[in-house]
Amino acid sequence: MATSSPPARPSPPLLALFGPTASGKTAVAGILRDRLGADVISADSAALYRDLPIITAAPDYPAQLVGTVPLTDDVSVGEYQRWAHAAIDAAARPLLVGGTGLYFRAAVSALELPPPAEPGRRAHWQAEYDRFGSAAAHEELTRVDPAAAARVHANDRKRVVRALELAETGASLAPEHDRLWTEDLRVETLIVALDLPLQVLDDRIEERTLAMAAAGAAEEARRAWSDELSETARKVLGLEQFATLPEHQAVAEVALATRRLARYQRKWLRRMPGVVTLPANRSAEEVADEIVALASAGERLPRH
């Protein structure tokens, strides 16, 4: 008796949705999940963490790589990439959704990122930088990785430390190939980016921040802030503000920081050659309709 072959993946194999905070990605992805039978996979550095569903605006439907990491754990982009690749490969219809540019890039890219350094090595190089000074630390970087040293100013403590940390693992802050990242896709991919006029985006951010406060963001944040937190967990936008400031002040500061983040995320739109950019100043159903039509027509970025 002949065995049947597993069903082929739909075309394109990966659908990826990018956009700034408050552009409506979560709502659109929820509709696409229902219409396409897709498995939503998050590309959001904050959403990875447990116990912060309000502050991270976690979706109200099942999504992978959401709420999976304890607040005590640090997460590197390389670790996220391995998790994302595994989730994409396991899904019959993967739908990548996110606004964290580096995470999104890592998920779609075939280029493997270096593994995290051994525990304690970052603290070691930070101490060495502080002990011997910026010039000596940069001189050591020049000795072990001249290409990285040429890219990094001696006074940039964070990048000098990271470059020394990478050099120990055999990796470099200055990769041999530095191509546009959409040239290194793992599989054929349709990448759709949502965009909004800045004023509309700012208004949505204000509304969302107020809704976050009304839903109990301060209580959630104080509970998390009172326990042990990793370095990367402490950077979750809104966590420190809602945990330590009066609510009205927290709302103002979180809204301001989120507007800055959204402007940075919009810059990623201009760094995505070949990506389909759609206006998001309309209903989520209309946006989803257009994405379904694009996917059905076979729009995609080819794997190189």
C-alpha atoms as a PDB file:
ATOM      1  CA  MET A   1       0.000   0.000   0.000  1.00  0.00           C
ATOM      2  CA  ALA A   2       1.514   3.322  -1.031  1.00  0.00           C
ATOM      3  CA  THR A   3       2.067   5.903   1.649  1.00  0.00           C
ATOM      4  CA  SER A   4       0.711   9.373   1.073  1.00  0.00           C
ATOM      5  CA  SER A   5       3.032  12.365   1.084  1.00  0.00           C
ATOM      6  CA  PRO A   6       2.520  15.092   3.666  1.00  0.00           C
ATOM      7  CA  PRO A   7       0.586  18.064   2.331  1.00  0.00           C
ATOM      8  CA  ALA A   8       2.716  20.750   0.767  1.00  0.00           C
ATOM      9  CA  ARG A   9       3.017  24.072   2.514  1.00  0.00           C
ATOM     10  CA  PRO A  10       0.906  26.876   1.096  1.00  0.00           C
ATOM     11  CA  SER A  11       2.581  29.472  -1.061  1.00  0.00           C
ATOM     12  CA  PRO A  12       4.354  31.490   0.133  1.00  0.00           C
ATOM     13  CA  PRO A  13       5.676  29.212   2.916  1.00  0.00           C
ATOM     14  CA  LEU A  14       6.037  32.144   5.330  1.00  0.00           C
ATOM     15  CA  LEU A  15       3.764  35.134   5.770  1.00  0.00           C
ATOM     16  CA  ALA A  16       5.337  37.889   7.865  1.00  0.00           C
ATOM     17  CA  LEU A  17       3.632  41.012   9.177  1.00  0.00           C
ATOM     18  CA  PHE A  18       5.683  43.964  10.400  1.00  0.00           C
ATOM     19  CA  GLY A  19       4.667  47.381  11.673  1.00  0.00           C
ATOM     20  CA  PRO A  20       5.219  49.958  14.391  1.00  0.00           C
ATOM     21  CA  THR A  21       3.561  49.773  17.779  1.00  0.00           C
ATOM     22  CA  ALA A  22      -0.202  50.481  17.605  1.00  0.00           C
ATOM     23  CA  SER A  23      -0.347  50.002  13.823  1.00  0.00           C
ATOM     24  CA  GLY A  24      -2.923  47.236  14.259  1.00  0.00           C
ATOM     25  CA  LYS A  25      -0.736  44.159  13.697  1.00  0.00           C
ATOM     26  CA  THR A  26      -2.326  42.099  16.468  1.00  0.00           C
ATOM     27  CA  ALA A  27      -5.874  42.617  15.208  1.00  0.00           C
ATOM     28  CA  VAL A  28      -4.930  41.912  11.591  1.00  0.00           C
ATOM     29  CA  ALA A  29      -2.978  38.810  12.611  1.00  0.00           C
ATOM     30  CA  GLY A  30      -5.977  37.523  14.566  1.00  0.00           C
ATOM     31  CA  ILE A  31      -8.151  37.755  11.472  1.00  0.00           C
ATOM     32  CA  LEU A  32      -5.484  36.110   9.297  1.00  0.00           C
ATOM     33  CA  ARG A  33      -5.120  33.356  11.888  1.00  0.00           C
ATOM     34  CA  ASP A  34      -8.815  32.518  11.538  1.00  0.00           C
ATOM     35  CA  ARG A  35      -9.045  32.868   7.774  1.00  0.00           C
ATOM     36  CA  LEU A  36      -5.846  31.033   6.877  1.00  0.00           C
ATOM     37  CA  GLY A  37      -5.609  28.598   9.767  1.00  0.00           C
ATOM     38  CA  ALA A  38      -2.244  30.169  10.555  1.00  0.00           C
ATOM     39  CA  ASP A  39       0.010  29.692  13.564  1.00  0.00           C
ATOM     40  CA  VAL A  40       0.940  33.152  14.864  1.00  0.00           C
ATOM     41  CA  ILE A  41       4.585  33.467  15.892  1.00  0.00           C
ATOM     42  CA  SER A  42       5.608  36.635  17.721  1.00  0.00           C
ATOM     43  CA  ALA A  43       8.651  38.739  16.818  1.00  0.00           C
ATOM     44  CA  ASP A  44       8.388  41.034  19.821  1.00  0.00           C
ATOM     45  CA  SER A  45      11.166  41.185  22.403  1.00  0.00           C
ATOM     46  CA  ALA A  46       8.840  42.269  25.232  1.00  0.00           C
ATOM     47  CA  ALA A  47       6.065  39.771  24.477  1.00  0.00           C
ATOM     48  CA  LEU A  48       8.444  36.899  25.174  1.00  0.00           C
ATOM     49  CA  TYR A  49       8.198  37.559  28.913  1.00  0.00           C
ATOM     50  CA  ARG A  50       5.679  35.945  31.230  1.00  0.00           C
ATOM     51  CA  ASP A  51       3.409  37.772  33.644  1.00  0.00           C
ATOM     52  CA  LEU A  52       3.219  41.037  31.660  1.00  0.00           C
ATOM     53  CA  PRO A  53       0.227  40.581  29.336  1.00  0.00           C
ATOM     54  CA  ILE A  54      -1.060  44.137  29.860  1.00  0.00           C
ATOM     55  CA  ILE A  55       2.219  45.992  29.469  1.00  0.00           C
ATOM     56  CA  THR A  56       3.317  43.914  26.474  1.00  0.00           C
ATOM     57  CA  ALA A  57      -0.148  44.067  24.826  1.00  0.00           C
ATOM     58  CA  ALA A  58      -0.186  40.286  24.444  1.00  0.00           C
ATOM     59  CA  PRO A  59      -2.805  38.999  21.983  1.00  0.00           C
ATOM     60  CA  ASP A  60      -5.983  37.425  23.332  1.00  0.00           C
ATOM     61  CA  TYR A  61      -5.574  34.433  20.992  1.00  0.00           C
ATOM     62  CA  PRO A  62      -2.901  31.682  21.073  1.00  0.00           C
ATOM     63  CA  ALA A  63       0.468  32.788  19.724  1.00  0.00           C
ATOM     64  CA  GLN A  64       3.883  31.202  19.928  1.00  0.00           C
ATOM     65  CA  LEU A  65       6.814  32.932  21.653  1.00  0.00           C
ATOM     66  CA  VAL A  66       4.431  34.976  23.786  1.00  0.00           C
ATOM     67  CA  GLY A  67       4.746  34.722  27.563  1.00  0.00           C
ATOM     68  CA  THR A  68       7.276  31.898  27.387  1.00  0.00           C
ATOM     69  CA  VAL A  69      10.311  33.330  29.201  1.00  0.00           C
ATOM     70  CA  PRO A  70      10.591  33.941  32.976  1.00  0.00           C
ATOM     71  CA  LEU A  71      11.310  37.524  33.983  1.00  0.00           C
ATOM     72  CA  THR A  72      14.541  36.315  35.579  1.00  0.00           C
ATOM     73  CA  ASP A  73      16.040  35.240  32.236  1.00  0.00           C
ATOM     74  CA  ASP A  74      18.052  37.343  29.817  1.00  0.00           C
ATOM     75  CA  VAL A  75      17.320  36.749  26.135  1.00  0.00           C
ATOM     76  CA  SER A  76      19.685  37.328  23.223  1.00  0.00           C
ATOM     77  CA  VAL A  77      18.654  37.856  19.618  1.00  0.00           C
ATOM     78  CA  GLY A  78      20.524  34.661  18.740  1.00  0.00           C
ATOM     79  CA  GLU A  79      18.447  32.650  21.207  1.00  0.00           C
ATOM     80  CA  TYR A  80      15.255  34.162  19.845  1.00  0.00           C
ATOM     81  CA  GLN A  81      16.323  33.294  16.297  1.00  0.00           C
ATOM     82  CA  ARG A  82      16.682  29.615  17.149  1.00  0.00           C
ATOM     83  CA  TRP A  83      13.253  29.555  18.818  1.00  0.00           C
ATOM     84  CA  ALA A  84      11.647  31.385  15.900  1.00  0.00           C
ATOM     85  CA  HIS A  85      13.192  29.128  13.259  1.00  0.00           C
ATOM     86  CA  ALA A  86      11.972  26.053  15.143  1.00  0.00           C
ATOM     87  CA  ALA A  87       8.456  27.485  15.446  1.00  0.00           C
ATOM     88  CA  ILE A  88       8.334  28.465  11.761  1.00  0.00           C
ATOM     89  CA  ASP A  89       9.557  25.039  10.635  1.00  0.00           C
ATOM     90  CA  ALA A  90       7.028  23.225  12.834  1.00  0.00           C
ATOM     91  CA  ALA A  91       4.007  25.243  11.666  1.00  0.00           C
ATOM     92  CA  ALA A  92       1.912  24.206   8.674  1.00  0.00           C
ATOM     93  CA  ARG A  93       1.046  27.849   8.024  1.00  0.00           C
ATOM     94  CA  PRO A  94       3.425  30.136   9.933  1.00  0.00           C
ATOM     95  CA  LEU A  95       2.472  33.790  10.390  1.00  0.00           C
ATOM     96  CA  LEU A  96       5.296  35.870  11.856  1.00  0.00           C
ATOM     97  CA  VAL A  97       4.084  39.068  13.523  1.00  0.00           C
ATOM     98  CA  GLY A  98       6.151  41.742  15.226  1.00  0.00           C
ATOM     99  CA  GLY A  99       7.600  45.194  15.489  1.00  0.00           C
ATOM    100  CA  THR A 100      11.010  44.486  17.036  1.00  0.00           C
ATOM    101  CA  GLY A 101      13.186  44.978  13.972  1.00  0.00           C
ATOM    102  CA  LEU A 102      16.146  42.838  15.050  1.00  0.00           C
ATOM    103  CA  TYR A 103      13.895  39.968  16.131  1.00  0.00           C
ATOM    104  CA  PHE A 104      11.894  40.140  12.907  1.00  0.00           C
ATOM    105  CA  ARG A 105      15.086  40.148  10.876  1.00  0.00           C
ATOM    106  CA  ALA A 106      16.489  37.217  12.843  1.00  0.00           C
ATOM    107  CA  ALA A 107      13.332  35.169  12.314  1.00  0.00           C
ATOM    108  CA  VAL A 108      13.256  35.518   8.518  1.00  0.00           C
ATOM    109  CA  SER A 109      17.010  35.440   7.947  1.00  0.00           C
ATOM    110  CA  ALA A 110      19.057  32.390   7.045  1.00  0.00           C
ATOM    111  CA  LEU A 111      22.158  33.958   8.565  1.00  0.00           C
ATOM    112  CA  GLU A 112      22.802  32.332  11.932  1.00  0.00           C
ATOM    113  CA  LEU A 113      23.579  34.738  14.745  1.00  0.00           C
ATOM    114  CA  PRO A 114      26.426  34.000  17.156  1.00  0.00           C
ATOM    115  CA  PRO A 115      25.608  32.040  20.296  1.00  0.00           C
ATOM    116  CA  PRO A 116      25.383  33.914  23.598  1.00  0.00           C
ATOM    117  CA  ALA A 117      28.641  34.337  25.469  1.00  0.00           C
ATOM    118  CA  GLU A 118      29.526  32.193  28.429  1.00  0.00           C
ATOM    119  CA  PRO A 119      27.881  33.354  31.665  1.00  0.00           C
ATOM    120  CA  GLY A 120      29.855  36.128  33.292  1.00  0.00           C
ATOM    121  CA  ARG A 121      31.944  37.091  30.269  1.00  0.00           C
ATOM    122  CA  ARG A 122      30.056  40.337  29.623  1.00  0.00           C
ATOM    123  CA  ALA A 123      30.547  41.375  33.242  1.00  0.00           C
ATOM    124  CA  HIS A 124      34.236  40.439  32.885  1.00  0.00           C
ATOM    125  CA  TRP A 125      34.762  42.686  29.876  1.00  0.00           C
ATOM    126  CA  GLN A 126      32.745  45.490  31.436  1.00  0.00           C
ATOM    127  CA  ALA A 127      35.029  45.345  34.469  1.00  0.00           C
ATOM    128  CA  GLU A 128      38.116  45.248  32.238  1.00  0.00           C
ATOM    129  CA  TYR A 129      36.904  48.265  30.278  1.00  0.00           C
ATOM    130  CA  ASP A 130      36.321  50.214  33.496  1.00  0.00           C
ATOM    131  CA  ARG A 131      39.567  49.063  35.065  1.00  0.00           C
ATOM    132  CA  PHE A 132      41.993  49.804  32.222  1.00  0.00           C
ATOM    133  CA  GLY A 133      40.090  52.538  30.403  1.00  0.00           C
ATOM    134  CA  SER A 134      38.540  52.960  26.991  1.00  0.00           C
ATOM    135  CA  ALA A 135      41.810  53.294  25.059  1.00  0.00           C
ATOM    136  CA  ALA A 136      43.280  50.074  26.420  1.00  0.00           C
ATOM    137  CA  ALA A 137      40.036  48.155  25.863  1.00  0.00           C
ATOM    138  CA  HIS A 138      39.867  49.385  22.270  1.00  0.00           C
ATOM    139  CA  GLU A 139      43.523  48.457  21.773  1.00  0.00           C
ATOM    140  CA  GLU A 140      42.708  44.912  22.900  1.00  0.00           C
ATOM    141  CA  LEU A 141      39.792  44.841  20.476  1.00  0.00           C
ATOM    142  CA  THR A 142      42.115  45.998  17.687  1.00  0.00           C
ATOM    143  CA  ARG A 143      44.414  43.082  18.516  1.00  0.00           C
ATOM    144  CA  VAL A 144      41.695  40.386  18.488  1.00  0.00           C
ATOM    145  CA  ASP A 145      39.297  41.817  15.875  1.00  0.00           C
ATOM    146  CA  PRO A 146      40.679  44.706  13.808  1.00  0.00           C
ATOM    147  CA  ALA A 147      37.595  44.896  11.579  1.00  0.00           C
ATOM    148  CA  ALA A 148      35.271  45.372  14.557  1.00  0.00           C
ATOM    149  CA  ALA A 149      37.648  47.885  16.134  1.00  0.00           C
ATOM    150  CA  ALA A 150      37.515  49.960  12.950  1.00  0.00           C
ATOM    151  CA  ARG A 151      33.726  50.201  13.330  1.00  0.00           C
ATOM    152  CA  VAL A 152      33.536  51.001  17.030  1.00  0.00           C
ATOM    153  CA  HIS A 153      34.673  54.159  18.814  1.00  0.00           C
ATOM    154  CA  ALA A 154      36.759  53.570  21.935  1.00  0.00           C
ATOM    155  CA  ASN A 155      34.299  55.562  24.045  1.00  0.00           C
ATOM    156  CA  ASP A 156      31.348  53.372  23.020  1.00  0.00           C
ATOM    157  CA  ARG A 157      31.572  51.116  26.075  1.00  0.00           C
ATOM    158  CA  LYS A 158      28.579  48.944  25.207  1.00  0.00           C
ATOM    159  CA  ARG A 159      29.772  48.081  21.694  1.00  0.00           C
ATOM    160  CA  VAL A 160      33.424  47.635  22.654  1.00  0.00           C
ATOM    161  CA  VAL A 161      32.370  45.197  25.375  1.00  0.00           C
ATOM    162  CA  ARG A 162      30.047  43.357  22.997  1.00  0.00           C
ATOM    163  CA  ALA A 163      32.756  43.137  20.332  1.00  0.00           C
ATOM    164  CA  LEU A 164      35.245  41.655  22.821  1.00  0.00           C
ATOM    165  CA  GLU A 165      32.593  39.243  24.028  1.00  0.00           C
ATOM    166  CA  LEU A 166      31.870  38.120  20.458  1.00  0.00           C
ATOM    167  CA  ALA A 167      35.555  37.775  19.602  1.00  0.00           C
ATOM    168  CA  GLU A 168      35.905  35.170  22.348  1.00  0.00           C
ATOM    169  CA  THR A 169      33.275  33.009  20.636  1.00  0.00           C
ATOM    170  CA  GLY A 170      34.946  33.307  17.233  1.00  0.00           C
ATOM    171  CA  ALA A 171      32.306  35.734  15.963  1.00  0.00           C
ATOM    172  CA  SER A 172      32.617  39.402  15.046  1.00  0.00           C
ATOM    173  CA  LEU A 173      30.693  42.627  15.342  1.00  0.00           C
ATOM    174  CA  ALA A 174      31.833  43.258  11.743  1.00  0.00           C
ATOM    175  CA  PRO A 175      30.476  40.255   9.771  1.00  0.00           C
ATOM    176  CA  GLU A 176      32.231  39.175   6.590  1.00  0.00           C
ATOM    177  CA  HIS A 177      29.004  39.672   4.647  1.00  0.00           C
ATOM    178  CA  ASP A 178      26.832  42.670   5.447  1.00  0.00           C
ATOM    179  CA  ARG A 179      24.115  42.444   2.819  1.00  0.00           C
ATOM    180  CA  LEU A 180      20.601  43.778   2.884  1.00  0.00           C
ATOM    181  CA  TRP A 181      18.847  41.321   5.128  1.00  0.00           C
ATOM    182  CA  THR A 182      16.042  40.433   2.744  1.00  0.00           C
ATOM    183  CA  GLU A 183      18.710  38.875   0.503  1.00  0.00           C
ATOM    184  CA  ASP A 184      19.192  36.088   3.045  1.00  0.00           C
ATOM    185  CA  LEU A 185      15.702  34.729   3.609  1.00  0.00           C
ATOM    186  CA  ARG A 186      15.459  31.117   4.737  1.00  0.00           C
ATOM    187  CA  VAL A 187      12.309  30.437   2.698  1.00  0.00           C
ATOM    188  CA  GLU A 188      10.152  32.272   0.206  1.00  0.00           C
ATOM    189  CA  THR A 189       8.355  34.896   2.209  1.00  0.00           C
ATOM    190  CA  LEU A 190       5.654  37.480   1.807  1.00  0.00           C
ATOM    191  CA  ILE A 191       6.544  40.373   4.099  1.00  0.00           C
ATOM    192  CA  VAL A 192       3.809  42.945   4.608  1.00  0.00           C
ATOM    193  CA  ALA A 193       4.505  46.154   6.507  1.00  0.00           C
ATOM    194  CA  LEU A 194       1.709  48.260   7.987  1.00  0.00           C
ATOM    195  CA  ASP A 195       2.125  52.012   8.018  1.00  0.00           C
ATOM    196  CA  LEU A 196       0.128  54.931   9.355  1.00  0.00           C
ATOM    197  CA  PRO A 197       0.391  58.726   9.227  1.00  0.00           C
ATOM    198  CA  LEU A 198       2.338  59.865  12.279  1.00  0.00           C
ATOM    199  CA  GLN A 199      -0.537  61.812  13.811  1.00  0.00           C
ATOM    200  CA  VAL A 200      -2.862  58.822  13.560  1.00  0.00           C
ATOM    201  CA  LEU A 201      -0.170  56.595  15.046  1.00  0.00           C
ATOM    202  CA  ASP A 202       0.421  59.048  17.906  1.00  0.00           C
ATOM    203  CA  ASP A 203      -3.313  59.160  18.666  1.00  0.00           C
ATOM    204  CA  ARG A 204      -3.510  55.368  18.739  1.00  0.00           C
ATOM    205  CA  ILE A 205      -0.495  55.191  21.049  1.00  0.00           C
ATOM    206  CA  GLU A 206      -2.131  57.650  23.454  1.00  0.00           C
ATOM    207  CA  GLU A 207      -5.370  55.662  23.460  1.00  0.00           C
ATOM    208  CA  ARG A 208      -3.561  52.369  23.981  1.00  0.00           C
ATOM    209  CA  THR A 209      -1.457  53.671  26.849  1.00  0.00           C
ATOM    210  CA  LEU A 210      -4.555  54.983  28.628  1.00  0.00           C
ATOM    211  CA  ALA A 211      -6.296  51.643  28.076  1.00  0.00           C
ATOM    212  CA  MET A 212      -3.253  49.853  29.455  1.00  0.00           C
ATOM    213  CA  ALA A 213      -3.427  51.923  32.630  1.00  0.00           C
ATOM    214  CA  ALA A 214      -7.159  51.298  32.996  1.00  0.00           C
ATOM    215  CA  ALA A 215      -6.607  47.557  32.617  1.00  0.00           C
ATOM    216  CA  GLY A 216      -4.218  47.445  35.598  1.00  0.00           C
ATOM    217  CA  ALA A 217      -0.747  48.039  34.157  1.00  0.00           C
ATOM    218  CA  ALA A 218       0.513  49.647  37.378  1.00  0.00           C
ATOM    219  CA  GLU A 219      -0.429  46.673  39.537  1.00  0.00           C
ATOM    220  CA  GLU A 220       1.081  44.246  37.031  1.00  0.00           C
ATOM    221  CA  ALA A 221       4.291  46.268  36.848  1.00  0.00           C
ATOM    222  CA  ARG A 222       4.707  46.682  40.619  1.00  0.00           C
ATOM    223  CA  ARG A 223       4.250  42.971  41.154  1.00  0.00           C
ATOM    224  CA  ALA A 224       6.960  42.170  38.595  1.00  0.00           C
ATOM    225  CA  TRP A 225       9.295  44.990  39.726  1.00  0.00           C
ATOM    226  CA  SER A 226       9.288  43.713  43.306  1.00  0.00           C
ATOM    227  CA  ASP A 227      10.862  40.394  42.257  1.00  0.00           C
ATOM    228  CA  GLU A 228      14.135  39.494  40.590  1.00  0.00           C
ATOM    229  CA  LEU A 229      14.385  40.758  37.003  1.00  0.00           C
ATOM    230  CA  SER A 230      16.941  40.072  34.295  1.00  0.00           C
ATOM    231  CA  GLU A 231      18.710  42.903  32.497  1.00  0.00           C
ATOM    232  CA  THR A 232      16.640  42.459  29.353  1.00  0.00           C
ATOM    233  CA  ALA A 233      13.362  42.132  31.273  1.00  0.00           C
ATOM    234  CA  ARG A 234      14.031  45.457  32.998  1.00  0.00           C
ATOM    235  CA  LYS A 235      14.094  47.102  29.563  1.00  0.00           C
ATOM    236  CA  VAL A 236      10.497  46.181  28.724  1.00  0.00           C
ATOM    237  CA  LEU A 237       8.900  49.503  27.832  1.00  0.00           C
ATOM    238  CA  GLY A 238       6.471  50.629  30.496  1.00  0.00           C
ATOM    239  CA  LEU A 239       7.577  48.241  33.220  1.00  0.00           C
ATOM    240  CA  GLU A 240       9.725  50.647  35.234  1.00  0.00           C
ATOM    241  CA  GLN A 241       7.476  53.632  34.590  1.00  0.00           C
ATOM    242  CA  PHE A 242       4.254  51.966  35.737  1.00  0.00           C
ATOM    243  CA  ALA A 243       6.039  50.326  38.674  1.00  0.00           C
ATOM    244  CA  THR A 244       7.711  53.438  40.073  1.00  0.00           C
ATOM    245  CA  LEU A 245       5.790  56.549  38.998  1.00  0.00           C
ATOM    246  CA  PRO A 246       2.357  57.984  39.782  1.00  0.00           C
ATOM    247  CA  GLU A 247      -0.043  56.636  37.192  1.00  0.00           C
ATOM    248  CA  HIS A 248      -0.651  59.924  35.362  1.00  0.00           C
ATOM    249  CA  GLN A 249       3.090  60.497  35.040  1.00  0.00           C
ATOM    250  CA  ALA A 250       3.670  56.901  33.962  1.00  0.00           C
ATOM    251  CA  VAL A 251       1.065  57.245  31.223  1.00  0.00           C
ATOM    252  CA  ALA A 252       2.705  60.420  29.910  1.00  0.00           C
ATOM    253  CA  GLU A 253       6.218  58.937  29.931  1.00  0.00           C
ATOM    254  CA  VAL A 254       5.179  55.610  28.423  1.00  0.00           C
ATOM    255  CA  ALA A 255       3.241  57.337  25.649  1.00  0.00           C
ATOM    256  CA  LEU A 256       6.244  59.547  24.872  1.00  0.00           C
ATOM    257  CA  ALA A 257       8.673  56.608  24.851  1.00  0.00           C
ATOM    258  CA  THR A 258       6.299  54.598  22.689  1.00  0.00           C
ATOM    259  CA  ARG A 259       6.011  57.424  20.160  1.00  0.00           C
ATOM    260  CA  ARG A 260       9.810  57.482  19.927  1.00  0.00           C
ATOM    261  CA  LEU A 261       9.877  53.715  19.498  1.00  0.00           C
ATOM    262  CA  ALA A 262       7.259  53.858  16.756  1.00  0.00           C
ATOM    263  CA  ARG A 263       9.326  56.387  14.820  1.00  0.00           C
ATOM    264  CA  TYR A 264      12.337  54.093  15.074  1.00  0.00           C
ATOM    265  CA  GLN A 265      10.234  51.138  13.920  1.00  0.00           C
ATOM    266  CA  ARG A 266       8.998  53.128  10.921  1.00  0.00           C
ATOM    267  CA  LYS A 267      12.627  53.548   9.851  1.00  0.00           C
ATOM    268  CA  TRP A 268      12.754  49.781   9.416  1.00  0.00           C
ATOM    269  CA  LEU A 269      10.102  50.129   6.734  1.00  0.00           C
ATOM    270  CA  ARG A 270      12.586  52.050   4.620  1.00  0.00           C
ATOM    271  CA  ARG A 271      15.202  49.340   5.152  1.00  0.00           C
ATOM    272  CA  MET A 272      13.027  46.554   3.728  1.00  0.00           C
ATOM    273  CA  PRO A 273      13.568  46.308  -0.043  1.00  0.00           C
ATOM    274  CA  GLY A 274      10.815  44.471  -1.888  1.00  0.00           C
ATOM    275  CA  VAL A 275       8.427  44.496   1.064  1.00  0.00           C
ATOM    276  CA  VAL A 276       4.743  45.275   0.454  1.00  0.00           C
ATOM    277  CA  THR A 277       3.710  48.312   2.497  1.00  0.00           C
ATOM    278  CA  LEU A 278      -0.004  48.698   3.160  1.00  0.00           C
ATOM    279  CA  PRO A 279      -1.876  51.665   4.662  1.00  0.00           C
ATOM    280  CA  ALA A 280      -3.256  50.648   8.059  1.00  0.00           C
ATOM    281  CA  ASN A 281      -5.558  53.649   8.562  1.00  0.00           C
ATOM    282  CA  ARG A 282      -8.636  51.505   7.924  1.00  0.00           C
ATOM    283  CA  SER A 283     -10.350  48.503   9.455  1.00  0.00           C
ATOM    284  CA  ALA A 284      -8.358  45.400  10.330  1.00  0.00           C
ATOM    285  CA  GLU A 285     -10.737  43.376   8.117  1.00  0.00           C
ATOM    286  CA  GLU A 286      -9.867  45.485   5.072  1.00  0.00           C
ATOM    287  CA  VAL A 287      -6.141  45.134   5.704  1.00  0.00           C
ATOM    288  CA  ALA A 288      -6.493  41.376   6.187  1.00  0.00           C
ATOM    289  CA  ASP A 289      -8.510  41.094   2.954  1.00  0.00           C
ATOM    290  CA  GLU A 290      -5.687  42.716   1.008  1.00  0.00           C
ATOM    291  CA  ILE A 291      -3.040  40.491   2.612  1.00  0.00           C
ATOM    292  CA  VAL A 292      -5.046  37.350   1.812  1.00  0.00           C
ATOM    293  CA  ALA A 293      -5.326  38.529  -1.807  1.00  0.00           C
ATOM    294  CA  LEU A 294      -1.568  39.151  -1.989  1.00  0.00           C
ATOM    295  CA  ALA A 295      -0.787  35.728  -0.556  1.00  0.00           C
ATOM    296  CA  SER A 296      -3.221  34.054  -2.959  1.00  0.00           C
ATOM    297  CA  ALA A 297      -1.610  35.867  -5.900  1.00  0.00           C
ATOM    298  CA  GLY A 298       1.771  34.418  -4.984  1.00  0.00           C
ATOM    299  CA  GLU A 299       3.475  37.626  -3.914  1.00  0.00           C
ATOM    300  CA  ARG A 300       6.693  36.846  -2.079  1.00  0.00           C
ATOM    301  CA  LEU A 301      10.363  37.631  -1.633  1.00  0.00           C
ATOM    302  CA  PRO A 302      12.448  34.768  -3.036  1.00  0.00           C
ATOM    303  CA  ARG A 303      14.962  32.827  -1.004  1.00  0.00           C
ATOM    304  CA  HIS A 304      18.572  33.533  -2.076  1.00  0.00           C
END
